[in-house]
Amino acid sequence: MPRDEAALLDAARFAQNIQDLMQGIDRHHFNSDLRTQSAILYQLTVLGEAVKRLSMEFRQRHLEIEWKAIAGLRDKVTHQYDQVDLDIVWETVQRDIPDFLEKLAPLLPPNPS
């Protein structure tokens, strides 16, 4: 499987994991549950890493997705972990992840094996 296809499938899986993990979680629970926060931050990190593995050519052909912002969030969680704002994480999970999955769907390879 070509590298871009593999990275796209990984990105879709990690974004879907985020949605699955957040199922039934309200803001109060998210803010007070370290396990949920840790799980979401990990998924955001590996999602950003998958995006970074996409070729520059692929990302430039699909500017409808904010690849740089996704990779940037990964960098912030990884390298500036002491500055992570849970309000931004919450908004990202609630608004940006569903939008990302919607935009990503038509780019995924058919019938991945």
PDB file of N, CA and C in Angstrom:
ATOM      1  N   MET A   1       0.850  -1.182   0.000  1.00  0.00           N
ATOM      2  CA  MET A   1       0.000   0.000   0.000  1.00  0.00           C
ATOM      3  C   MET A   1       0.889   1.237   0.000  1.00  0.00           C
ATOM      4  N   PRO A   2       0.639   2.158  -0.906  1.00  0.00           N
ATOM      5  CA  PRO A   2       1.435   3.391  -0.937  1.00  0.00           C
ATOM      6  C   PRO A   2       1.382   4.144   0.399  1.00  0.00           C
ATOM      7  N   ARG A   3       2.445   4.868   0.645  1.00  0.00           N
ATOM      8  CA  ARG A   3       2.589   5.570   1.930  1.00  0.00           C
ATOM      9  C   ARG A   3       1.443   6.535   2.219  1.00  0.00           C
ATOM     10  N   ASP A   4       1.018   7.322   1.224  1.00  0.00           N
ATOM     11  CA  ASP A   4      -0.077   8.265   1.465  1.00  0.00           C
ATOM     12  C   ASP A   4      -1.365   7.546   1.845  1.00  0.00           C
ATOM     13  N   GLU A   5      -1.651   6.439   1.176  1.00  0.00           N
ATOM     14  CA  GLU A   5      -2.863   5.687   1.502  1.00  0.00           C
ATOM     15  C   GLU A   5      -2.803   5.157   2.931  1.00  0.00           C
ATOM     16  N   ALA A   6      -1.658   4.626   3.319  1.00  0.00           N
ATOM     17  CA  ALA A   6      -1.505   4.097   4.676  1.00  0.00           C
ATOM     18  C   ALA A   6      -1.661   5.213   5.712  1.00  0.00           C
ATOM     19  N   ALA A   7      -1.060   6.358   5.443  1.00  0.00           N
ATOM     20  CA  ALA A   7      -1.157   7.482   6.379  1.00  0.00           C
ATOM     21  C   ALA A   7      -2.595   7.998   6.468  1.00  0.00           C
ATOM     22  N   LEU A   8      -3.300   8.039   5.342  1.00  0.00           N
ATOM     23  CA  LEU A   8      -4.701   8.466   5.352  1.00  0.00           C
ATOM     24  C   LEU A   8      -5.556   7.523   6.186  1.00  0.00           C
ATOM     25  N   LEU A   9      -5.356   6.232   6.005  1.00  0.00           N
ATOM     26  CA  LEU A   9      -6.116   5.264   6.786  1.00  0.00           C
ATOM     27  C   LEU A   9      -5.813   5.390   8.278  1.00  0.00           C
ATOM     28  N   ASP A  10      -4.551   5.605   8.601  1.00  0.00           N
ATOM     29  CA  ASP A  10      -4.189   5.826  10.009  1.00  0.00           C
ATOM     30  C   ASP A  10      -4.871   7.077  10.545  1.00  0.00           C
ATOM     31  N   ALA A  11      -4.808   8.165   9.796  1.00  0.00           N
ATOM     32  CA  ALA A  11      -5.422   9.421  10.240  1.00  0.00           C
ATOM     33  C   ALA A  11      -6.916   9.235  10.471  1.00  0.00           C
ATOM     34  N   ALA A  12      -7.576   8.548   9.559  1.00  0.00           N
ATOM     35  CA  ALA A  12      -9.014   8.302   9.715  1.00  0.00           C
ATOM     36  C   ALA A  12      -9.287   7.457  10.956  1.00  0.00           C
ATOM     37  N   ARG A  13      -8.463   6.435  11.178  1.00  0.00           N
ATOM     38  CA  ARG A  13      -8.651   5.569  12.346  1.00  0.00           C
ATOM     39  C   ARG A  13      -8.471   6.346  13.651  1.00  0.00           C
ATOM     40  N   PHE A  14      -7.438   7.178  13.728  1.00  0.00           N
ATOM     41  CA  PHE A  14      -7.197   7.922  14.960  1.00  0.00           C
ATOM     42  C   PHE A  14      -8.291   8.963  15.213  1.00  0.00           C
ATOM     43  N   ALA A  15      -8.748   9.608  14.149  1.00  0.00           N
ATOM     44  CA  ALA A  15      -9.843  10.577  14.303  1.00  0.00           C
ATOM     45  C   ALA A  15     -11.119   9.867  14.744  1.00  0.00           C
ATOM     46  N   GLN A  16     -11.380   8.704  14.180  1.00  0.00           N
ATOM     47  CA  GLN A  16     -12.559   7.939  14.596  1.00  0.00           C
ATOM     48  C   GLN A  16     -12.411   7.473  16.036  1.00  0.00           C
ATOM     49  N   ASN A  17     -11.205   7.083  16.441  1.00  0.00           N
ATOM     50  CA  ASN A  17     -10.963   6.710  17.841  1.00  0.00           C
ATOM     51  C   ASN A  17     -11.341   7.855  18.768  1.00  0.00           C
ATOM     52  N   ILE A  18     -10.994   9.067  18.377  1.00  0.00           N
ATOM     53  CA  ILE A  18     -11.320  10.240  19.199  1.00  0.00           C
ATOM     54  C   ILE A  18     -12.834  10.350  19.348  1.00  0.00           C
ATOM     55  N   GLN A  19     -13.538  10.230  18.244  1.00  0.00           N
ATOM     56  CA  GLN A  19     -14.999  10.314  18.331  1.00  0.00           C
ATOM     57  C   GLN A  19     -15.562   9.195  19.198  1.00  0.00           C
ATOM     58  N   ASP A  20     -15.042   7.995  19.039  1.00  0.00           N
ATOM     59  CA  ASP A  20     -15.529   6.869  19.838  1.00  0.00           C
ATOM     60  C   ASP A  20     -15.251   7.082  21.326  1.00  0.00           C
ATOM     61  N   LEU A  21     -14.044   7.548  21.647  1.00  0.00           N
ATOM     62  CA  LEU A  21     -13.690   7.780  23.047  1.00  0.00           C
ATOM     63  C   LEU A  21     -14.532   8.879  23.688  1.00  0.00           C
ATOM     64  N   MET A  22     -14.964   9.843  22.887  1.00  0.00           N
ATOM     65  CA  MET A  22     -15.731  10.970  23.422  1.00  0.00           C
ATOM     66  C   MET A  22     -17.239  10.716  23.449  1.00  0.00           C
ATOM     67  N   GLN A  23     -17.665   9.566  22.940  1.00  0.00           N
ATOM     68  CA  GLN A  23     -19.079   9.227  22.936  1.00  0.00           C
ATOM     69  C   GLN A  23     -19.639   9.269  24.367  1.00  0.00           C
ATOM     70  N   GLY A  24     -20.633  10.109  24.581  1.00  0.00           N
ATOM     71  CA  GLY A  24     -21.271  10.210  25.893  1.00  0.00           C
ATOM     72  C   GLY A  24     -20.503  11.003  26.930  1.00  0.00           C
ATOM     73  N   ILE A  25     -19.410  11.633  26.543  1.00  0.00           N
ATOM     74  CA  ILE A  25     -18.588  12.413  27.473  1.00  0.00           C
ATOM     75  C   ILE A  25     -18.995  13.877  27.372  1.00  0.00           C
ATOM     76  N   ASP A  26     -19.374  14.470  28.512  1.00  0.00           N
ATOM     77  CA  ASP A  26     -19.688  15.897  28.505  1.00  0.00           C
ATOM     78  C   ASP A  26     -18.466  16.695  28.940  1.00  0.00           C
ATOM     79  N   ARG A  27     -18.599  17.987  28.848  1.00  0.00           N
ATOM     80  CA  ARG A  27     -17.468  18.883  29.140  1.00  0.00           C
ATOM     81  C   ARG A  27     -16.936  18.712  30.562  1.00  0.00           C
ATOM     82  N   HIS A  28     -17.834  18.595  31.511  1.00  0.00           N
ATOM     83  CA  HIS A  28     -17.413  18.439  32.911  1.00  0.00           C
ATOM     84  C   HIS A  28     -16.602  17.155  33.085  1.00  0.00           C
ATOM     85  N   HIS A  29     -17.104  16.053  32.527  1.00  0.00           N
ATOM     86  CA  HIS A  29     -16.388  14.785  32.640  1.00  0.00           C
ATOM     87  C   HIS A  29     -15.018  14.888  31.979  1.00  0.00           C
ATOM     88  N   PHE A  30     -14.978  15.476  30.792  1.00  0.00           N
ATOM     89  CA  PHE A  30     -13.702  15.625  30.094  1.00  0.00           C
ATOM     90  C   PHE A  30     -12.713  16.428  30.939  1.00  0.00           C
ATOM     91  N   ASN A  31     -13.167  17.546  31.477  1.00  0.00           N
ATOM     92  CA  ASN A  31     -12.268  18.412  32.257  1.00  0.00           C
ATOM     93  C   ASN A  31     -11.776  17.761  33.545  1.00  0.00           C
ATOM     94  N   SER A  32     -12.537  16.808  34.067  1.00  0.00           N
ATOM     95  CA  SER A  32     -12.166  16.227  35.357  1.00  0.00           C
ATOM     96  C   SER A  32     -11.584  14.817  35.258  1.00  0.00           C
ATOM     97  N   ASP A  33     -11.525  14.244  34.052  1.00  0.00           N
ATOM     98  CA  ASP A  33     -11.074  12.865  33.922  1.00  0.00           C
ATOM     99  C   ASP A  33      -9.732  12.785  33.205  1.00  0.00           C
ATOM    100  N   LEU A  34      -8.699  12.539  33.962  1.00  0.00           N
ATOM    101  CA  LEU A  34      -7.340  12.467  33.422  1.00  0.00           C
ATOM    102  C   LEU A  34      -7.194  11.352  32.390  1.00  0.00           C
ATOM    103  N   ARG A  35      -7.861  10.234  32.601  1.00  0.00           N
ATOM    104  CA  ARG A  35      -7.758   9.127  31.641  1.00  0.00           C
ATOM    105  C   ARG A  35      -8.320   9.528  30.279  1.00  0.00           C
ATOM    106  N   THR A  36      -9.458  10.167  30.285  1.00  0.00           N
ATOM    107  CA  THR A  36     -10.054  10.606  29.021  1.00  0.00           C
ATOM    108  C   THR A  36      -9.165  11.642  28.352  1.00  0.00           C
ATOM    109  N   GLN A  37      -8.689  12.603  29.112  1.00  0.00           N
ATOM    110  CA  GLN A  37      -7.792  13.620  28.558  1.00  0.00           C
ATOM    111  C   GLN A  37      -6.556  12.967  27.953  1.00  0.00           C
ATOM    112  N   SER A  38      -5.958  12.040  28.684  1.00  0.00           N
ATOM    113  CA  SER A  38      -4.748  11.379  28.202  1.00  0.00           C
ATOM    114  C   SER A  38      -5.020  10.593  26.926  1.00  0.00           C
ATOM    115  N   ALA A  39      -6.118   9.893  26.889  1.00  0.00           N
ATOM    116  CA  ALA A  39      -6.457   9.107  25.700  1.00  0.00           C
ATOM    117  C   ALA A  39      -6.665  10.015  24.491  1.00  0.00           C
ATOM    118  N   ILE A  40      -7.373  11.110  24.688  1.00  0.00           N
ATOM    119  CA  ILE A  40      -7.638  12.029  23.580  1.00  0.00           C
ATOM    120  C   ILE A  40      -6.343  12.694  23.121  1.00  0.00           C
ATOM    121  N   LEU A  41      -5.519  13.131  24.048  1.00  0.00           N
ATOM    122  CA  LEU A  41      -4.260  13.770  23.675  1.00  0.00           C
ATOM    123  C   LEU A  41      -3.351  12.795  22.922  1.00  0.00           C
ATOM    124  N   TYR A  42      -3.353  11.539  23.319  1.00  0.00           N
ATOM    125  CA  TYR A  42      -2.559  10.549  22.587  1.00  0.00           C
ATOM    126  C   TYR A  42      -3.088  10.383  21.164  1.00  0.00           C
ATOM    127  N   GLN A  43      -4.385  10.251  21.014  1.00  0.00           N
ATOM    128  CA  GLN A  43      -4.972  10.080  19.683  1.00  0.00           C
ATOM    129  C   GLN A  43      -4.702  11.303  18.811  1.00  0.00           C
ATOM    130  N   LEU A  44      -4.767  12.495  19.383  1.00  0.00           N
ATOM    131  CA  LEU A  44      -4.445  13.707  18.620  1.00  0.00           C
ATOM    132  C   LEU A  44      -2.979  13.699  18.190  1.00  0.00           C
ATOM    133  N   THR A  45      -2.114  13.197  19.055  1.00  0.00           N
ATOM    134  CA  THR A  45      -0.685  13.129  18.735  1.00  0.00           C
ATOM    135  C   THR A  45      -0.433  12.183  17.567  1.00  0.00           C
ATOM    136  N   VAL A  46      -1.009  10.987  17.620  1.00  0.00           N
ATOM    137  CA  VAL A  46      -0.759  10.037  16.530  1.00  0.00           C
ATOM    138  C   VAL A  46      -1.492  10.454  15.255  1.00  0.00           C
ATOM    139  N   LEU A  47      -2.623  11.140  15.386  1.00  0.00           N
ATOM    140  CA  LEU A  47      -3.300  11.696  14.208  1.00  0.00           C
ATOM    141  C   LEU A  47      -2.385  12.710  13.527  1.00  0.00           C
ATOM    142  N   GLY A  48      -1.787  13.587  14.303  1.00  0.00           N
ATOM    143  CA  GLY A  48      -0.855  14.567  13.743  1.00  0.00           C
ATOM    144  C   GLY A  48       0.356  13.915  13.111  1.00  0.00           C
ATOM    145  N   GLU A  49       0.825  12.842  13.712  1.00  0.00           N
ATOM    146  CA  GLU A  49       1.970  12.127  13.148  1.00  0.00           C
ATOM    147  C   GLU A  49       1.594  11.476  11.819  1.00  0.00           C
ATOM    148  N   ALA A  50       0.405  10.919  11.737  1.00  0.00           N
ATOM    149  CA  ALA A  50      -0.052  10.323  10.471  1.00  0.00           C
ATOM    150  C   ALA A  50      -0.132  11.389   9.381  1.00  0.00           C
ATOM    151  N   VAL A  51      -0.635  12.560   9.731  1.00  0.00           N
ATOM    152  CA  VAL A  51      -0.729  13.662   8.765  1.00  0.00           C
ATOM    153  C   VAL A  51       0.658  14.080   8.295  1.00  0.00           C
ATOM    154  N   LYS A  52       1.618  14.107   9.199  1.00  0.00           N
ATOM    155  CA  LYS A  52       2.978  14.483   8.818  1.00  0.00           C
ATOM    156  C   LYS A  52       3.614  13.483   7.857  1.00  0.00           C
ATOM    157  N   ARG A  53       3.119  12.259   7.844  1.00  0.00           N
ATOM    158  CA  ARG A  53       3.655  11.236   6.944  1.00  0.00           C
ATOM    159  C   ARG A  53       3.114  11.355   5.522  1.00  0.00           C
ATOM    160  N   LEU A  54       2.063  12.148   5.356  1.00  0.00           N
ATOM    161  CA  LEU A  54       1.540  12.372   4.006  1.00  0.00           C
ATOM    162  C   LEU A  54       2.541  13.180   3.197  1.00  0.00           C
ATOM    163  N   SER A  55       2.653  12.859   1.938  1.00  0.00           N
ATOM    164  CA  SER A  55       3.578  13.619   1.097  1.00  0.00           C
ATOM    165  C   SER A  55       3.103  15.067   0.961  1.00  0.00           C
ATOM    166  N   MET A  56       4.056  15.941   0.763  1.00  0.00           N
ATOM    167  CA  MET A  56       3.734  17.351   0.560  1.00  0.00           C
ATOM    168  C   MET A  56       2.858  17.516  -0.680  1.00  0.00           C
ATOM    169  N   GLU A  57       3.119  16.725  -1.696  1.00  0.00           N
ATOM    170  CA  GLU A  57       2.326  16.794  -2.928  1.00  0.00           C
ATOM    171  C   GLU A  57       0.863  16.469  -2.645  1.00  0.00           C
ATOM    172  N   PHE A  58       0.626  15.439  -1.852  1.00  0.00           N
ATOM    173  CA  PHE A  58      -0.747  15.056  -1.518  1.00  0.00           C
ATOM    174  C   PHE A  58      -1.432  16.183  -0.747  1.00  0.00           C
ATOM    175  N   ARG A  59      -0.753  16.690   0.268  1.00  0.00           N
ATOM    176  CA  ARG A  59      -1.343  17.759   1.083  1.00  0.00           C
ATOM    177  C   ARG A  59      -1.643  18.993   0.242  1.00  0.00           C
ATOM    178  N   GLN A  60      -0.775  19.311  -0.713  1.00  0.00           N
ATOM    179  CA  GLN A  60      -1.001  20.481  -1.561  1.00  0.00           C
ATOM    180  C   GLN A  60      -2.148  20.275  -2.538  1.00  0.00           C
ATOM    181  N   ARG A  61      -2.422  19.029  -2.893  1.00  0.00           N
ATOM    182  CA  ARG A  61      -3.558  18.740  -3.773  1.00  0.00           C
ATOM    183  C   ARG A  61      -4.894  18.791  -3.030  1.00  0.00           C
ATOM    184  N   HIS A  62      -4.836  18.766  -1.710  1.00  0.00           N
ATOM    185  CA  HIS A  62      -6.064  18.708  -0.901  1.00  0.00           C
ATOM    186  C   HIS A  62      -6.037  19.781   0.182  1.00  0.00           C
ATOM    187  N   LEU A  63      -6.065  21.000  -0.261  1.00  0.00           N
ATOM    188  CA  LEU A  63      -5.983  22.147   0.654  1.00  0.00           C
ATOM    189  C   LEU A  63      -7.278  22.389   1.433  1.00  0.00           C
ATOM    190  N   GLU A  64      -8.318  21.624   1.137  1.00  0.00           N
ATOM    191  CA  GLU A  64      -9.561  21.758   1.884  1.00  0.00           C
ATOM    192  C   GLU A  64      -9.409  21.266   3.332  1.00  0.00           C
ATOM    193  N   ILE A  65      -8.333  20.550   3.581  1.00  0.00           N
ATOM    194  CA  ILE A  65      -8.031  20.076   4.938  1.00  0.00           C
ATOM    195  C   ILE A  65      -6.848  20.864   5.466  1.00  0.00           C
ATOM    196  N   GLU A  66      -6.955  21.308   6.691  1.00  0.00           N
ATOM    197  CA  GLU A  66      -5.898  22.117   7.309  1.00  0.00           C
ATOM    198  C   GLU A  66      -4.820  21.207   7.909  1.00  0.00           C
ATOM    199  N   TRP A  67      -4.031  20.621   7.026  1.00  0.00           N
ATOM    200  CA  TRP A  67      -2.990  19.678   7.435  1.00  0.00           C
ATOM    201  C   TRP A  67      -2.018  20.312   8.424  1.00  0.00           C
ATOM    202  N   LYS A  68      -1.632  21.551   8.152  1.00  0.00           N
ATOM    203  CA  LYS A  68      -0.641  22.235   9.000  1.00  0.00           C
ATOM    204  C   LYS A  68      -1.172  22.419  10.428  1.00  0.00           C
ATOM    205  N   ALA A  69      -2.448  22.729  10.554  1.00  0.00           N
ATOM    206  CA  ALA A  69      -3.047  22.917  11.879  1.00  0.00           C
ATOM    207  C   ALA A  69      -3.070  21.600  12.655  1.00  0.00           C
ATOM    208  N   ILE A  70      -3.355  20.515  11.955  1.00  0.00           N
ATOM    209  CA  ILE A  70      -3.396  19.201  12.605  1.00  0.00           C
ATOM    210  C   ILE A  70      -1.992  18.822  13.081  1.00  0.00           C
ATOM    211  N   ALA A  71      -1.014  18.987  12.218  1.00  0.00           N
ATOM    212  CA  ALA A  71       0.369  18.689  12.592  1.00  0.00           C
ATOM    213  C   ALA A  71       0.842  19.627  13.705  1.00  0.00           C
ATOM    214  N   GLY A  72       0.402  20.874  13.648  1.00  0.00           N
ATOM    215  CA  GLY A  72       0.788  21.845  14.671  1.00  0.00           C
ATOM    216  C   GLY A  72       0.241  21.489  16.039  1.00  0.00           C
ATOM    217  N   LEU A  73      -0.980  20.971  16.078  1.00  0.00           N
ATOM    218  CA  LEU A  73      -1.544  20.556  17.362  1.00  0.00           C
ATOM    219  C   LEU A  73      -0.742  19.388  17.929  1.00  0.00           C
ATOM    220  N   ARG A  74      -0.335  18.473  17.056  1.00  0.00           N
ATOM    221  CA  ARG A  74       0.512  17.362  17.493  1.00  0.00           C
ATOM    222  C   ARG A  74       1.800  17.881  18.107  1.00  0.00           C
ATOM    223  N   ASP A  75       2.422  18.863  17.453  1.00  0.00           N
ATOM    224  CA  ASP A  75       3.664  19.432  17.959  1.00  0.00           C
ATOM    225  C   ASP A  75       3.453  20.097  19.314  1.00  0.00           C
ATOM    226  N   LYS A  76       2.347  20.798  19.448  1.00  0.00           N
ATOM    227  CA  LYS A  76       2.065  21.477  20.718  1.00  0.00           C
ATOM    228  C   LYS A  76       1.878  20.463  21.843  1.00  0.00           C
ATOM    229  N   VAL A  77       1.092  19.418  21.588  1.00  0.00           N
ATOM    230  CA  VAL A  77       0.852  18.397  22.615  1.00  0.00           C
ATOM    231  C   VAL A  77       2.158  17.708  22.990  1.00  0.00           C
ATOM    232  N   THR A  78       2.998  17.468  22.008  1.00  0.00           N
ATOM    233  CA  THR A  78       4.245  16.740  22.241  1.00  0.00           C
ATOM    234  C   THR A  78       5.334  17.605  22.867  1.00  0.00           C
ATOM    235  N   HIS A  79       5.531  18.800  22.325  1.00  0.00           N
ATOM    236  CA  HIS A  79       6.681  19.603  22.732  1.00  0.00           C
ATOM    237  C   HIS A  79       6.343  20.732  23.711  1.00  0.00           C
ATOM    238  N   GLN A  80       5.094  21.148  23.729  1.00  0.00           N
ATOM    239  CA  GLN A  80       4.682  22.218  24.644  1.00  0.00           C
ATOM    240  C   GLN A  80       3.542  21.720  25.522  1.00  0.00           C
ATOM    241  N   TYR A  81       3.715  20.509  26.007  1.00  0.00           N
ATOM    242  CA  TYR A  81       2.677  19.836  26.785  1.00  0.00           C
ATOM    243  C   TYR A  81       2.196  20.655  27.978  1.00  0.00           C
ATOM    244  N   ASP A  82       3.059  21.508  28.502  1.00  0.00           N
ATOM    245  CA  ASP A  82       2.680  22.323  29.655  1.00  0.00           C
ATOM    246  C   ASP A  82       1.807  23.513  29.266  1.00  0.00           C
ATOM    247  N   GLN A  83       1.602  23.711  27.972  1.00  0.00           N
ATOM    248  CA  GLN A  83       0.784  24.826  27.494  1.00  0.00           C
ATOM    249  C   GLN A  83      -0.506  24.360  26.812  1.00  0.00           C
ATOM    250  N   VAL A  84      -0.812  23.062  26.908  1.00  0.00           N
ATOM    251  CA  VAL A  84      -2.018  22.541  26.273  1.00  0.00           C
ATOM    252  C   VAL A  84      -3.241  23.106  26.981  1.00  0.00           C
ATOM    253  N   ASP A  85      -4.134  23.682  26.215  1.00  0.00           N
ATOM    254  CA  ASP A  85      -5.361  24.286  26.725  1.00  0.00           C
ATOM    255  C   ASP A  85      -6.506  23.311  26.476  1.00  0.00           C
ATOM    256  N   LEU A  86      -7.083  22.780  27.548  1.00  0.00           N
ATOM    257  CA  LEU A  86      -8.154  21.803  27.401  1.00  0.00           C
ATOM    258  C   LEU A  86      -9.396  22.382  26.730  1.00  0.00           C
ATOM    259  N   ASP A  87      -9.587  23.690  26.813  1.00  0.00           N
ATOM    260  CA  ASP A  87     -10.708  24.307  26.092  1.00  0.00           C
ATOM    261  C   ASP A  87     -10.505  24.169  24.583  1.00  0.00           C
ATOM    262  N   ILE A  88      -9.279  24.349  24.128  1.00  0.00           N
ATOM    263  CA  ILE A  88      -8.979  24.200  22.701  1.00  0.00           C
ATOM    264  C   ILE A  88      -9.106  22.738  22.287  1.00  0.00           C
ATOM    265  N   VAL A  89      -8.642  21.840  23.136  1.00  0.00           N
ATOM    266  CA  VAL A  89      -8.771  20.413  22.840  1.00  0.00           C
ATOM    267  C   VAL A  89     -10.241  20.040  22.728  1.00  0.00           C
ATOM    268  N   TRP A  90     -11.067  20.502  23.671  1.00  0.00           N
ATOM    269  CA  TRP A  90     -12.505  20.215  23.644  1.00  0.00           C
ATOM    270  C   TRP A  90     -13.124  20.718  22.333  1.00  0.00           C
ATOM    271  N   GLU A  91     -12.827  21.949  21.969  1.00  0.00           N
ATOM    272  CA  GLU A  91     -13.387  22.515  20.728  1.00  0.00           C
ATOM    273  C   GLU A  91     -12.896  21.748  19.503  1.00  0.00           C
ATOM    274  N   THR A  92     -11.655  21.357  19.517  1.00  0.00           N
ATOM    275  CA  THR A  92     -11.100  20.579  18.409  1.00  0.00           C
ATOM    276  C   THR A  92     -11.853  19.261  18.254  1.00  0.00           C
ATOM    277  N   VAL A  93     -12.062  18.596  19.351  1.00  0.00           N
ATOM    278  CA  VAL A  93     -12.736  17.298  19.331  1.00  0.00           C
ATOM    279  C   VAL A  93     -14.197  17.451  18.903  1.00  0.00           C
ATOM    280  N   GLN A  94     -14.850  18.489  19.382  1.00  0.00           N
ATOM    281  CA  GLN A  94     -16.276  18.673  19.096  1.00  0.00           C
ATOM    282  C   GLN A  94     -16.538  19.190  17.682  1.00  0.00           C
ATOM    283  N   ARG A  95     -15.694  20.082  17.208  1.00  0.00           N
ATOM    284  CA  ARG A  95     -15.954  20.755  15.931  1.00  0.00           C
ATOM    285  C   ARG A  95     -15.042  20.262  14.805  1.00  0.00           C
ATOM    286  N   ASP A  96     -13.762  20.215  15.072  1.00  0.00           N
ATOM    287  CA  ASP A  96     -12.801  19.967  13.998  1.00  0.00           C
ATOM    288  C   ASP A  96     -12.670  18.501  13.602  1.00  0.00           C
ATOM    289  N   ILE A  97     -12.754  17.601  14.554  1.00  0.00           N
ATOM    290  CA  ILE A  97     -12.604  16.175  14.223  1.00  0.00           C
ATOM    291  C   ILE A  97     -13.750  15.694  13.325  1.00  0.00           C
ATOM    292  N   PRO A  98     -15.011  16.005  13.637  1.00  0.00           N
ATOM    293  CA  PRO A  98     -16.071  15.588  12.697  1.00  0.00           C
ATOM    294  C   PRO A  98     -15.895  16.198  11.305  1.00  0.00           C
ATOM    295  N   ASP A  99     -15.501  17.459  11.234  1.00  0.00           N
ATOM    296  CA  ASP A  99     -15.268  18.116   9.952  1.00  0.00           C
ATOM    297  C   ASP A  99     -14.114  17.444   9.210  1.00  0.00           C
ATOM    298  N   PHE A 100     -13.057  17.114   9.910  1.00  0.00           N
ATOM    299  CA  PHE A 100     -11.912  16.431   9.318  1.00  0.00           C
ATOM    300  C   PHE A 100     -12.331  15.088   8.728  1.00  0.00           C
ATOM    301  N   LEU A 101     -13.092  14.308   9.489  1.00  0.00           N
ATOM    302  CA  LEU A 101     -13.529  13.001   8.998  1.00  0.00           C
ATOM    303  C   LEU A 101     -14.409  13.134   7.762  1.00  0.00           C
ATOM    304  N   GLU A 102     -15.251  14.139   7.753  1.00  0.00           N
ATOM    305  CA  GLU A 102     -16.124  14.359   6.592  1.00  0.00           C
ATOM    306  C   GLU A 102     -15.308  14.699   5.344  1.00  0.00           C
ATOM    307  N   LYS A 103     -14.318  15.573   5.501  1.00  0.00           N
ATOM    308  CA  LYS A 103     -13.477  15.960   4.364  1.00  0.00           C
ATOM    309  C   LYS A 103     -12.530  14.838   3.947  1.00  0.00           C
ATOM    310  N   LEU A 104     -12.145  14.006   4.891  1.00  0.00           N
ATOM    311  CA  LEU A 104     -11.208  12.928   4.625  1.00  0.00           C
ATOM    312  C   LEU A 104     -11.872  11.752   3.896  1.00  0.00           C
ATOM    313  N   ALA A 105     -13.140  11.529   4.148  1.00  0.00           N
ATOM    314  CA  ALA A 105     -13.840  10.355   3.617  1.00  0.00           C
ATOM    315  C   ALA A 105     -13.657  10.157   2.105  1.00  0.00           C
ATOM    316  N   PRO A 106     -13.843  11.191   1.273  1.00  0.00           N
ATOM    317  CA  PRO A 106     -13.693  10.946  -0.154  1.00  0.00           C
ATOM    318  C   PRO A 106     -12.249  10.707  -0.607  1.00  0.00           C
ATOM    319  N   LEU A 107     -11.291  10.970   0.260  1.00  0.00           N
ATOM    320  CA  LEU A 107      -9.882  10.781  -0.095  1.00  0.00           C
ATOM    321  C   LEU A 107      -9.368   9.389   0.250  1.00  0.00           C
ATOM    322  N   LEU A 108     -10.137   8.654   1.053  1.00  0.00           N
ATOM    323  CA  LEU A 108      -9.693   7.333   1.498  1.00  0.00           C
ATOM    324  C   LEU A 108      -9.731   6.340   0.346  1.00  0.00           C
ATOM    325  N   PRO A 109      -8.777   5.408   0.349  1.00  0.00           N
ATOM    326  CA  PRO A 109      -8.775   4.402  -0.716  1.00  0.00           C
ATOM    327  C   PRO A 109      -9.995   3.490  -0.573  1.00  0.00           C
ATOM    328  N   PRO A 110     -10.529   3.040  -1.691  1.00  0.00           N
ATOM    329  CA  PRO A 110     -11.674   2.122  -1.623  1.00  0.00           C
ATOM    330  C   PRO A 110     -11.233   0.750  -1.113  1.00  0.00           C
ATOM    331  N   ASN A 111     -12.076   0.151  -0.308  1.00  0.00           N
ATOM    332  CA  ASN A 111     -11.847  -1.211   0.194  1.00  0.00           C
ATOM    333  C   ASN A 111     -10.423  -1.445   0.689  1.00  0.00           C
ATOM    334  N   PRO A 112     -10.012  -0.692   1.750  1.00  0.00           N
ATOM    335  CA  PRO A 112      -8.648  -0.907   2.263  1.00  0.00           C
ATOM    336  C   PRO A 112      -8.500  -2.333   2.774  1.00  0.00           C
ATOM    337  N   SER A 113      -7.337  -2.913   2.523  1.00  0.00           N
ATOM    338  CA  SER A 113      -7.094  -4.285   2.987  1.00  0.00           C
ATOM    339  C   SER A 113      -6.151  -4.305   4.159  1.00  0.00           C
TER     340      SER A 113
END
